[in-house]
Amino acid sequence: MDCVLVTGMPGAGKSTVTRLVAERLPRSARLGGDEVNAMIVNGFVWALGEPADEAARQVELLHRNLCALANNFVDAGFTPLIDAMIPSRAKLDFFVEHLSPRRMLFVVLAPGIEVCRYRNTIRDPAERFDFDGYERLEADMRREFGDTGWWLDTSGLTAGETADRIVDEAARTPRMGA
């Protein structure tokens, strides 16, 4: 596999699924957006936080760092699994550009809004994500991406079944990039 970029709404299962897929591959690395953001010790601004210009600057920094790490891992013979919230085509195009000439499998975990909300409620309280914009985010992602990428309905799958499906079908799924 080349790079694998996994996105989805909060509660879709990005972190869990990328970890499980990575465990199933012989040479892999999991690159979590939350973990990379946690490297900022002071001055962190959440993606939807204020001031908005600083939040946007830090999101771009996060995406640049994820791409740089992914490129290094691919070049060393590893499959990087990137776990990141990609809400727009412009953000997706950023990844395609910065991962070039490497190719990328783009996976959108799409279990539906109610499943995402439920999964968020059963998380450890320290890992819950207070978010009330599911309807708008889902509409925006569908409009922005259209049929781009592999939209995987995981509403009836466990995290392990989702990981198995990604590993099993990844070779037959079209890639983006060079």
N, C-alpha and C. Protein backbone atom coordinates (compact mmCIF):
# COMPACT_ATOMS: atom_id res chain seq x y z
N MET A 1 0.83 -1.19 0.00
CA MET A 1 0.00 0.00 0.00
C MET A 1 0.88 1.25 0.00
N ASP A 2 0.33 2.32 -0.54
CA ASP A 2 1.01 3.61 -0.47
C ASP A 2 0.58 4.27 0.84
N CYS A 3 0.27 5.56 0.82
CA CYS A 3 -0.29 6.24 1.99
C CYS A 3 -1.78 5.93 2.07
N VAL A 4 -2.29 5.85 3.28
CA VAL A 4 -3.73 5.69 3.50
C VAL A 4 -4.18 6.84 4.38
N LEU A 5 -5.09 7.65 3.85
CA LEU A 5 -5.65 8.78 4.58
C LEU A 5 -7.07 8.41 4.96
N VAL A 6 -7.33 8.34 6.27
CA VAL A 6 -8.65 7.96 6.76
C VAL A 6 -9.28 9.17 7.43
N THR A 7 -10.48 9.51 6.98
CA THR A 7 -11.20 10.63 7.58
C THR A 7 -12.62 10.18 7.89
N GLY A 8 -13.37 11.07 8.49
CA GLY A 8 -14.75 10.82 8.86
C GLY A 8 -15.13 11.78 9.96
N MET A 9 -16.40 11.83 10.25
CA MET A 9 -16.88 12.74 11.30
C MET A 9 -16.38 12.28 12.68
N PRO A 10 -16.42 13.16 13.67
CA PRO A 10 -16.07 12.74 15.03
C PRO A 10 -16.92 11.52 15.44
N GLY A 11 -16.26 10.49 15.91
CA GLY A 11 -16.96 9.27 16.31
C GLY A 11 -17.05 8.23 15.21
N ALA A 12 -16.53 8.53 14.02
CA ALA A 12 -16.60 7.58 12.90
C ALA A 12 -15.69 6.37 13.11
N GLY A 13 -14.65 6.53 13.93
CA GLY A 13 -13.76 5.41 14.21
C GLY A 13 -12.37 5.55 13.61
N LYS A 14 -11.98 6.74 13.22
CA LYS A 14 -10.70 6.96 12.54
C LYS A 14 -9.51 6.44 13.35
N SER A 15 -9.42 6.82 14.59
CA SER A 15 -8.26 6.44 15.41
C SER A 15 -8.20 4.94 15.62
N THR A 16 -9.32 4.36 15.98
CA THR A 16 -9.36 2.92 16.23
C THR A 16 -9.06 2.14 14.96
N VAL A 17 -9.69 2.51 13.86
CA VAL A 17 -9.52 1.77 12.61
C VAL A 17 -8.10 1.90 12.08
N THR A 18 -7.53 3.11 12.12
CA THR A 18 -6.16 3.24 11.61
C THR A 18 -5.18 2.42 12.44
N ARG A 19 -5.40 2.36 13.75
CA ARG A 19 -4.53 1.53 14.60
C ARG A 19 -4.66 0.06 14.23
N LEU A 20 -5.91 -0.40 14.03
CA LEU A 20 -6.13 -1.81 13.70
C LEU A 20 -5.61 -2.17 12.31
N VAL A 21 -5.78 -1.29 11.34
CA VAL A 21 -5.22 -1.56 10.01
C VAL A 21 -3.71 -1.63 10.11
N ALA A 22 -3.10 -0.69 10.82
CA ALA A 22 -1.64 -0.68 10.97
C ALA A 22 -1.15 -1.99 11.59
N GLU A 23 -1.89 -2.51 12.56
CA GLU A 23 -1.50 -3.77 13.21
C GLU A 23 -1.56 -4.95 12.25
N ARG A 24 -2.37 -4.85 11.18
CA ARG A 24 -2.55 -5.95 10.25
C ARG A 24 -1.54 -5.93 9.09
N LEU A 25 -0.79 -4.87 8.96
CA LEU A 25 0.17 -4.74 7.86
C LEU A 25 1.58 -5.08 8.35
N PRO A 26 2.41 -5.62 7.47
CA PRO A 26 3.75 -6.03 7.91
C PRO A 26 4.68 -4.87 8.28
N ARG A 27 4.56 -3.74 7.61
CA ARG A 27 5.39 -2.56 7.89
C ARG A 27 4.49 -1.34 7.80
N SER A 28 4.17 -0.76 8.93
CA SER A 28 3.19 0.32 8.94
C SER A 28 3.48 1.30 10.07
N ALA A 29 2.88 2.48 9.93
CA ALA A 29 2.96 3.50 10.97
C ALA A 29 1.62 4.20 11.03
N ARG A 30 1.15 4.48 12.22
CA ARG A 30 -0.10 5.22 12.40
C ARG A 30 0.24 6.66 12.75
N LEU A 31 -0.28 7.58 11.96
CA LEU A 31 -0.02 9.00 12.16
C LEU A 31 -1.33 9.67 12.56
N GLY A 32 -1.49 9.91 13.84
CA GLY A 32 -2.73 10.49 14.35
C GLY A 32 -2.65 11.99 14.45
N GLY A 33 -3.62 12.66 13.86
CA GLY A 33 -3.66 14.12 13.92
C GLY A 33 -3.70 14.63 15.35
N ASP A 34 -4.46 13.97 16.21
CA ASP A 34 -4.55 14.41 17.60
C ASP A 34 -3.20 14.31 18.30
N GLU A 35 -2.48 13.23 18.03
CA GLU A 35 -1.17 13.04 18.67
C GLU A 35 -0.16 14.05 18.15
N VAL A 36 -0.19 14.34 16.86
CA VAL A 36 0.73 15.34 16.32
C VAL A 36 0.39 16.72 16.89
N ASN A 37 -0.90 17.05 16.98
CA ASN A 37 -1.29 18.32 17.60
C ASN A 37 -0.82 18.41 19.04
N ALA A 38 -0.81 17.29 19.75
CA ALA A 38 -0.42 17.28 21.17
C ALA A 38 1.06 17.62 21.36
N MET A 39 1.82 17.66 20.28
CA MET A 39 3.23 18.05 20.37
C MET A 39 3.37 19.54 20.70
N ILE A 40 2.32 20.31 20.42
CA ILE A 40 2.34 21.73 20.77
C ILE A 40 2.09 21.83 22.28
N VAL A 41 3.08 22.30 23.00
CA VAL A 41 2.99 22.35 24.46
C VAL A 41 2.27 23.61 24.92
N ASN A 42 2.57 24.74 24.32
CA ASN A 42 1.93 26.01 24.67
C ASN A 42 1.50 26.71 23.40
N GLY A 43 0.33 27.34 23.45
CA GLY A 43 -0.14 28.12 22.33
C GLY A 43 -1.06 27.38 21.37
N PHE A 44 -1.46 26.17 21.73
CA PHE A 44 -2.33 25.40 20.84
C PHE A 44 -3.71 26.07 20.72
N VAL A 45 -4.22 26.12 19.49
CA VAL A 45 -5.57 26.61 19.22
C VAL A 45 -6.30 25.50 18.47
N TRP A 46 -7.42 25.08 18.99
CA TRP A 46 -8.25 24.05 18.38
C TRP A 46 -8.70 24.50 16.99
N ALA A 47 -8.93 23.57 16.09
CA ALA A 47 -9.26 23.88 14.70
C ALA A 47 -10.45 24.83 14.55
N LEU A 48 -11.42 24.75 15.45
CA LEU A 48 -12.56 25.65 15.38
C LEU A 48 -12.48 26.76 16.43
N GLY A 49 -11.27 26.92 16.99
CA GLY A 49 -11.09 27.89 18.07
C GLY A 49 -10.76 29.29 17.60
N GLU A 50 -10.47 30.13 18.56
CA GLU A 50 -10.15 31.54 18.31
C GLU A 50 -8.76 31.84 18.84
N PRO A 51 -8.05 32.72 18.18
CA PRO A 51 -8.43 33.44 16.97
C PRO A 51 -8.43 32.51 15.75
N ALA A 52 -9.38 32.74 14.86
CA ALA A 52 -9.59 31.85 13.71
C ALA A 52 -8.38 31.79 12.80
N ASP A 53 -7.67 32.90 12.62
CA ASP A 53 -6.50 32.86 11.73
C ASP A 53 -5.39 31.99 12.30
N GLU A 54 -5.24 31.99 13.61
CA GLU A 54 -4.24 31.12 14.25
C GLU A 54 -4.69 29.66 14.19
N ALA A 55 -5.98 29.41 14.37
CA ALA A 55 -6.49 28.04 14.25
C ALA A 55 -6.21 27.51 12.85
N ALA A 56 -6.48 28.30 11.83
CA ALA A 56 -6.23 27.88 10.44
C ALA A 56 -4.75 27.64 10.20
N ARG A 57 -3.91 28.49 10.75
CA ARG A 57 -2.46 28.32 10.59
C ARG A 57 -1.99 27.01 11.23
N GLN A 58 -2.55 26.69 12.40
CA GLN A 58 -2.15 25.46 13.07
C GLN A 58 -2.70 24.22 12.37
N VAL A 59 -3.87 24.31 11.76
CA VAL A 59 -4.38 23.18 10.97
C VAL A 59 -3.45 22.93 9.79
N GLU A 60 -3.02 23.99 9.11
CA GLU A 60 -2.08 23.81 8.00
C GLU A 60 -0.77 23.20 8.48
N LEU A 61 -0.28 23.66 9.63
CA LEU A 61 0.94 23.09 10.21
C LEU A 61 0.76 21.61 10.49
N LEU A 62 -0.37 21.24 11.07
CA LEU A 62 -0.67 19.84 11.33
C LEU A 62 -0.62 19.03 10.03
N HIS A 63 -1.30 19.52 9.02
CA HIS A 63 -1.36 18.79 7.75
C HIS A 63 0.02 18.68 7.10
N ARG A 64 0.81 19.74 7.18
CA ARG A 64 2.19 19.68 6.65
C ARG A 64 3.01 18.63 7.40
N ASN A 65 2.86 18.62 8.72
CA ASN A 65 3.61 17.65 9.53
C ASN A 65 3.17 16.22 9.23
N LEU A 66 1.87 16.00 9.09
CA LEU A 66 1.38 14.66 8.76
C LEU A 66 1.93 14.21 7.40
N CYS A 67 1.93 15.10 6.42
CA CYS A 67 2.45 14.75 5.09
C CYS A 67 3.95 14.47 5.14
N ALA A 68 4.69 15.30 5.87
CA ALA A 68 6.14 15.08 5.97
C ALA A 68 6.44 13.73 6.62
N LEU A 69 5.75 13.43 7.70
CA LEU A 69 5.94 12.13 8.36
C LEU A 69 5.56 10.98 7.43
N ALA A 70 4.43 11.11 6.75
CA ALA A 70 3.99 10.06 5.83
C ALA A 70 5.01 9.84 4.73
N ASN A 71 5.51 10.92 4.15
CA ASN A 71 6.52 10.80 3.09
C ASN A 71 7.76 10.08 3.59
N ASN A 72 8.21 10.42 4.78
CA ASN A 72 9.39 9.75 5.35
C ASN A 72 9.14 8.27 5.57
N PHE A 73 7.95 7.92 6.06
CA PHE A 73 7.66 6.51 6.28
C PHE A 73 7.54 5.74 4.96
N VAL A 74 6.87 6.31 3.96
CA VAL A 74 6.77 5.64 2.65
C VAL A 74 8.17 5.41 2.09
N ASP A 75 9.00 6.44 2.14
CA ASP A 75 10.34 6.34 1.58
C ASP A 75 11.19 5.30 2.31
N ALA A 76 10.84 4.99 3.55
CA ALA A 76 11.56 3.97 4.33
C ALA A 76 10.89 2.60 4.22
N GLY A 77 9.86 2.48 3.38
CA GLY A 77 9.24 1.18 3.15
C GLY A 77 8.08 0.85 4.07
N PHE A 78 7.49 1.84 4.71
CA PHE A 78 6.35 1.62 5.60
C PHE A 78 5.08 2.19 4.95
N THR A 79 3.95 1.62 5.32
CA THR A 79 2.65 2.17 4.91
C THR A 79 2.16 3.08 6.03
N PRO A 80 2.09 4.39 5.78
CA PRO A 80 1.55 5.28 6.81
C PRO A 80 0.03 5.33 6.73
N LEU A 81 -0.60 5.25 7.88
CA LEU A 81 -2.05 5.39 8.00
C LEU A 81 -2.30 6.70 8.71
N ILE A 82 -2.83 7.67 7.97
CA ILE A 82 -3.04 9.01 8.50
C ILE A 82 -4.48 9.12 8.99
N ASP A 83 -4.63 9.50 10.24
CA ASP A 83 -5.94 9.70 10.87
C ASP A 83 -6.12 11.20 11.01
N ALA A 84 -6.98 11.78 10.16
CA ALA A 84 -7.16 13.23 10.20
C ALA A 84 -8.57 13.60 9.77
N MET A 85 -9.05 14.70 10.31
CA MET A 85 -10.34 15.25 9.90
C MET A 85 -10.10 16.10 8.66
N ILE A 86 -10.65 15.67 7.53
CA ILE A 86 -10.50 16.36 6.26
C ILE A 86 -11.90 16.79 5.83
N PRO A 87 -12.28 18.05 6.09
CA PRO A 87 -13.66 18.47 5.85
C PRO A 87 -13.95 19.01 4.44
N SER A 88 -12.90 19.21 3.63
CA SER A 88 -13.15 19.87 2.35
C SER A 88 -12.22 19.33 1.26
N ARG A 89 -12.63 19.59 0.03
CA ARG A 89 -11.82 19.19 -1.12
C ARG A 89 -10.48 19.93 -1.11
N ALA A 90 -10.48 21.19 -0.70
CA ALA A 90 -9.23 21.94 -0.65
C ALA A 90 -8.24 21.29 0.31
N LYS A 91 -8.71 20.82 1.46
CA LYS A 91 -7.83 20.14 2.41
C LYS A 91 -7.34 18.82 1.84
N LEU A 92 -8.23 18.09 1.15
CA LEU A 92 -7.83 16.83 0.52
C LEU A 92 -6.78 17.10 -0.56
N ASP A 93 -7.00 18.13 -1.37
CA ASP A 93 -6.03 18.47 -2.42
C ASP A 93 -4.67 18.83 -1.83
N PHE A 94 -4.68 19.45 -0.65
CA PHE A 94 -3.42 19.77 0.05
C PHE A 94 -2.64 18.47 0.29
N PHE A 95 -3.32 17.44 0.79
CA PHE A 95 -2.65 16.16 1.06
C PHE A 95 -2.14 15.54 -0.24
N VAL A 96 -2.96 15.54 -1.28
CA VAL A 96 -2.54 14.96 -2.56
C VAL A 96 -1.27 15.67 -3.05
N GLU A 97 -1.27 16.99 -2.98
CA GLU A 97 -0.11 17.77 -3.44
C GLU A 97 1.13 17.50 -2.60
N HIS A 98 0.98 17.48 -1.27
CA HIS A 98 2.14 17.34 -0.40
C HIS A 98 2.62 15.91 -0.23
N LEU A 99 1.83 14.95 -0.66
CA LEU A 99 2.28 13.56 -0.64
C LEU A 99 2.87 13.14 -2.00
N SER A 100 2.66 13.96 -3.01
CA SER A 100 3.16 13.66 -4.36
C SER A 100 4.68 13.52 -4.34
N PRO A 101 5.24 12.57 -5.08
CA PRO A 101 4.63 11.73 -6.10
C PRO A 101 4.05 10.42 -5.56
N ARG A 102 3.98 10.30 -4.26
CA ARG A 102 3.41 9.09 -3.68
C ARG A 102 1.90 9.07 -3.91
N ARG A 103 1.34 7.88 -3.99
CA ARG A 103 -0.10 7.76 -4.19
C ARG A 103 -0.78 7.55 -2.84
N MET A 104 -2.07 7.88 -2.80
CA MET A 104 -2.80 7.84 -1.54
C MET A 104 -4.15 7.18 -1.72
N LEU A 105 -4.47 6.29 -0.81
CA LEU A 105 -5.81 5.73 -0.71
C LEU A 105 -6.58 6.61 0.25
N PHE A 106 -7.68 7.19 -0.22
CA PHE A 106 -8.50 8.09 0.60
C PHE A 106 -9.75 7.33 1.03
N VAL A 107 -9.90 7.14 2.35
CA VAL A 107 -11.02 6.39 2.90
C VAL A 107 -11.85 7.32 3.79
N VAL A 108 -13.14 7.38 3.52
CA VAL A 108 -14.07 8.15 4.35
C VAL A 108 -14.91 7.15 5.13
N LEU A 109 -14.69 7.07 6.44
CA LEU A 109 -15.53 6.22 7.27
C LEU A 109 -16.87 6.93 7.43
N ALA A 110 -17.94 6.28 7.00
CA ALA A 110 -19.26 6.93 6.95
C ALA A 110 -20.33 6.06 7.60
N PRO A 111 -20.30 5.96 8.94
CA PRO A 111 -21.32 5.15 9.60
C PRO A 111 -22.65 5.86 9.79
N GLY A 112 -22.70 7.15 9.52
CA GLY A 112 -23.91 7.93 9.72
C GLY A 112 -23.85 8.73 11.00
N ILE A 113 -24.66 9.77 11.04
CA ILE A 113 -24.62 10.72 12.15
C ILE A 113 -24.99 10.07 13.48
N GLU A 114 -26.05 9.29 13.52
CA GLU A 114 -26.49 8.72 14.80
C GLU A 114 -25.45 7.76 15.37
N VAL A 115 -24.80 6.99 14.51
CA VAL A 115 -23.75 6.07 14.97
C VAL A 115 -22.58 6.88 15.52
N CYS A 116 -22.18 7.95 14.83
CA CYS A 116 -21.08 8.79 15.32
C CYS A 116 -21.41 9.39 16.68
N ARG A 117 -22.63 9.90 16.81
CA ARG A 117 -23.03 10.47 18.10
C ARG A 117 -22.98 9.42 19.21
N TYR A 118 -23.52 8.24 18.92
CA TYR A 118 -23.53 7.17 19.91
C TYR A 118 -22.10 6.77 20.31
N ARG A 119 -21.25 6.57 19.30
CA ARG A 119 -19.87 6.16 19.59
C ARG A 119 -19.16 7.20 20.44
N ASN A 120 -19.45 8.45 20.23
CA ASN A 120 -18.84 9.50 21.03
C ASN A 120 -19.29 9.40 22.49
N THR A 121 -20.55 9.02 22.73
CA THR A 121 -21.05 8.93 24.11
C THR A 121 -20.43 7.78 24.87
N ILE A 122 -19.96 6.75 24.18
CA ILE A 122 -19.39 5.59 24.89
C ILE A 122 -17.87 5.66 25.00
N ARG A 123 -17.28 6.73 24.51
CA ARG A 123 -15.84 6.93 24.67
C ARG A 123 -15.51 7.25 26.12
N ASP A 124 -14.25 7.06 26.46
CA ASP A 124 -13.74 7.53 27.73
C ASP A 124 -14.03 9.04 27.79
N PRO A 125 -14.50 9.55 28.91
CA PRO A 125 -14.84 10.98 29.00
C PRO A 125 -13.71 11.90 28.55
N ALA A 126 -12.47 11.53 28.78
CA ALA A 126 -11.34 12.36 28.39
C ALA A 126 -11.17 12.41 26.87
N GLU A 127 -11.76 11.45 26.17
CA GLU A 127 -11.61 11.39 24.71
C GLU A 127 -12.87 11.83 23.96
N ARG A 128 -13.91 12.22 24.69
CA ARG A 128 -15.14 12.67 24.02
C ARG A 128 -14.91 13.98 23.31
N PHE A 129 -15.64 14.15 22.24
CA PHE A 129 -15.52 15.35 21.41
C PHE A 129 -16.87 16.02 21.41
N ASP A 130 -16.98 17.16 22.07
CA ASP A 130 -18.25 17.89 22.10
C ASP A 130 -18.43 18.59 20.76
N PHE A 131 -19.38 18.12 19.99
CA PHE A 131 -19.56 18.61 18.63
C PHE A 131 -21.04 18.54 18.30
N ASP A 132 -21.58 19.64 17.81
CA ASP A 132 -23.01 19.64 17.47
C ASP A 132 -23.25 19.99 16.00
N GLY A 133 -22.21 19.89 15.19
CA GLY A 133 -22.34 20.26 13.78
C GLY A 133 -22.35 19.09 12.83
N TYR A 134 -22.84 17.93 13.27
CA TYR A 134 -22.79 16.73 12.44
C TYR A 134 -23.54 16.89 11.11
N GLU A 135 -24.74 17.44 11.17
CA GLU A 135 -25.55 17.55 9.95
C GLU A 135 -24.84 18.40 8.90
N ARG A 136 -24.34 19.53 9.32
CA ARG A 136 -23.65 20.41 8.37
C ARG A 136 -22.35 19.78 7.87
N LEU A 137 -21.59 19.16 8.77
CA LEU A 137 -20.34 18.53 8.36
C LEU A 137 -20.58 17.41 7.35
N GLU A 138 -21.57 16.57 7.62
CA GLU A 138 -21.87 15.49 6.68
C GLU A 138 -22.28 16.05 5.32
N ALA A 139 -23.13 17.06 5.30
CA ALA A 139 -23.57 17.67 4.04
C ALA A 139 -22.38 18.30 3.31
N ASP A 140 -21.53 18.99 4.06
CA ASP A 140 -20.36 19.62 3.46
C ASP A 140 -19.42 18.58 2.86
N MET A 141 -19.16 17.50 3.59
CA MET A 141 -18.25 16.47 3.09
C MET A 141 -18.82 15.80 1.83
N ARG A 142 -20.10 15.51 1.83
CA ARG A 142 -20.70 14.88 0.65
C ARG A 142 -20.65 15.82 -0.55
N ARG A 143 -20.90 17.10 -0.31
CA ARG A 143 -20.85 18.07 -1.40
C ARG A 143 -19.41 18.25 -1.89
N GLU A 144 -18.48 18.37 -0.97
CA GLU A 144 -17.08 18.64 -1.32
C GLU A 144 -16.41 17.46 -2.00
N PHE A 145 -16.67 16.25 -1.52
CA PHE A 145 -15.97 15.09 -2.05
C PHE A 145 -16.73 14.37 -3.16
N GLY A 146 -18.07 14.49 -3.14
CA GLY A 146 -18.84 13.76 -4.15
C GLY A 146 -18.52 12.28 -4.07
N ASP A 147 -18.09 11.72 -5.18
CA ASP A 147 -17.74 10.29 -5.19
C ASP A 147 -16.23 10.07 -5.08
N THR A 148 -15.50 11.11 -4.66
CA THR A 148 -14.05 10.98 -4.49
C THR A 148 -13.77 10.09 -3.28
N GLY A 149 -12.84 9.18 -3.45
CA GLY A 149 -12.42 8.31 -2.36
C GLY A 149 -13.35 7.13 -2.18
N TRP A 150 -13.06 6.38 -1.15
CA TRP A 150 -13.82 5.17 -0.82
C TRP A 150 -14.67 5.50 0.40
N TRP A 151 -15.97 5.71 0.17
CA TRP A 151 -16.92 5.97 1.24
C TRP A 151 -17.34 4.62 1.80
N LEU A 152 -16.93 4.34 3.01
CA LEU A 152 -17.15 3.03 3.62
C LEU A 152 -18.19 3.14 4.73
N ASP A 153 -19.36 2.59 4.47
CA ASP A 153 -20.42 2.57 5.48
C ASP A 153 -20.06 1.53 6.53
N THR A 154 -19.71 2.00 7.70
CA THR A 154 -19.26 1.11 8.77
C THR A 154 -20.31 0.94 9.86
N SER A 155 -21.55 1.39 9.57
CA SER A 155 -22.58 1.37 10.61
C SER A 155 -22.86 -0.04 11.12
N GLY A 156 -22.72 -1.04 10.27
CA GLY A 156 -22.99 -2.41 10.69
C GLY A 156 -21.74 -3.23 10.92
N LEU A 157 -20.57 -2.57 10.97
CA LEU A 157 -19.31 -3.28 11.13
C LEU A 157 -18.65 -2.93 12.46
N THR A 158 -17.96 -3.89 13.03
CA THR A 158 -17.11 -3.59 14.18
C THR A 158 -15.86 -2.90 13.66
N ALA A 159 -15.07 -2.35 14.56
CA ALA A 159 -13.81 -1.73 14.15
C ALA A 159 -12.89 -2.77 13.51
N GLY A 160 -12.86 -3.96 14.05
CA GLY A 160 -12.03 -5.03 13.49
C GLY A 160 -12.50 -5.44 12.10
N GLU A 161 -13.80 -5.54 11.91
CA GLU A 161 -14.33 -5.87 10.58
C GLU A 161 -14.02 -4.77 9.57
N THR A 162 -14.09 -3.51 10.02
CA THR A 162 -13.76 -2.39 9.15
C THR A 162 -12.29 -2.47 8.75
N ALA A 163 -11.42 -2.71 9.71
CA ALA A 163 -9.98 -2.82 9.41
C ALA A 163 -9.72 -3.97 8.45
N ASP A 164 -10.35 -5.11 8.68
CA ASP A 164 -10.17 -6.25 7.77
C ASP A 164 -10.61 -5.90 6.36
N ARG A 165 -11.72 -5.20 6.24
CA ARG A 165 -12.23 -4.83 4.91
C ARG A 165 -11.26 -3.88 4.20
N ILE A 166 -10.72 -2.93 4.93
CA ILE A 166 -9.76 -2.00 4.32
C ILE A 166 -8.54 -2.75 3.83
N VAL A 167 -8.00 -3.63 4.66
CA VAL A 167 -6.82 -4.41 4.26
C VAL A 167 -7.15 -5.30 3.07
N ASP A 168 -8.28 -5.99 3.11
CA ASP A 168 -8.65 -6.93 2.05
C ASP A 168 -8.94 -6.24 0.72
N GLU A 169 -9.58 -5.08 0.75
CA GLU A 169 -10.02 -4.44 -0.48
C GLU A 169 -9.12 -3.31 -0.96
N ALA A 170 -8.13 -2.94 -0.17
CA ALA A 170 -7.30 -1.79 -0.51
C ALA A 170 -6.59 -1.96 -1.85
N ALA A 171 -6.15 -3.15 -2.15
CA ALA A 171 -5.43 -3.37 -3.41
C ALA A 171 -6.31 -3.12 -4.64
N ARG A 172 -7.61 -3.26 -4.48
CA ARG A 172 -8.53 -3.07 -5.61
C ARG A 172 -9.17 -1.68 -5.64
N THR A 173 -8.82 -0.84 -4.69
CA THR A 173 -9.46 0.48 -4.57
C THR A 173 -8.56 1.53 -5.22
N PRO A 174 -9.13 2.38 -6.08
CA PRO A 174 -8.31 3.40 -6.78
C PRO A 174 -7.62 4.36 -5.83
N ARG A 175 -6.44 4.79 -6.24
CA ARG A 175 -5.62 5.72 -5.47
C ARG A 175 -5.72 7.12 -6.06
N MET A 176 -5.32 8.09 -5.27
CA MET A 176 -5.23 9.48 -5.74
C MET A 176 -3.75 9.82 -5.84
N GLY A 177 -3.42 10.77 -6.69
CA GLY A 177 -2.06 11.24 -6.81
C GLY A 177 -1.35 10.66 -8.02
N ALA A 178 -0.04 10.79 -8.00
CA ALA A 178 0.81 10.41 -9.15
C ALA A 178 0.62 8.99 -9.63
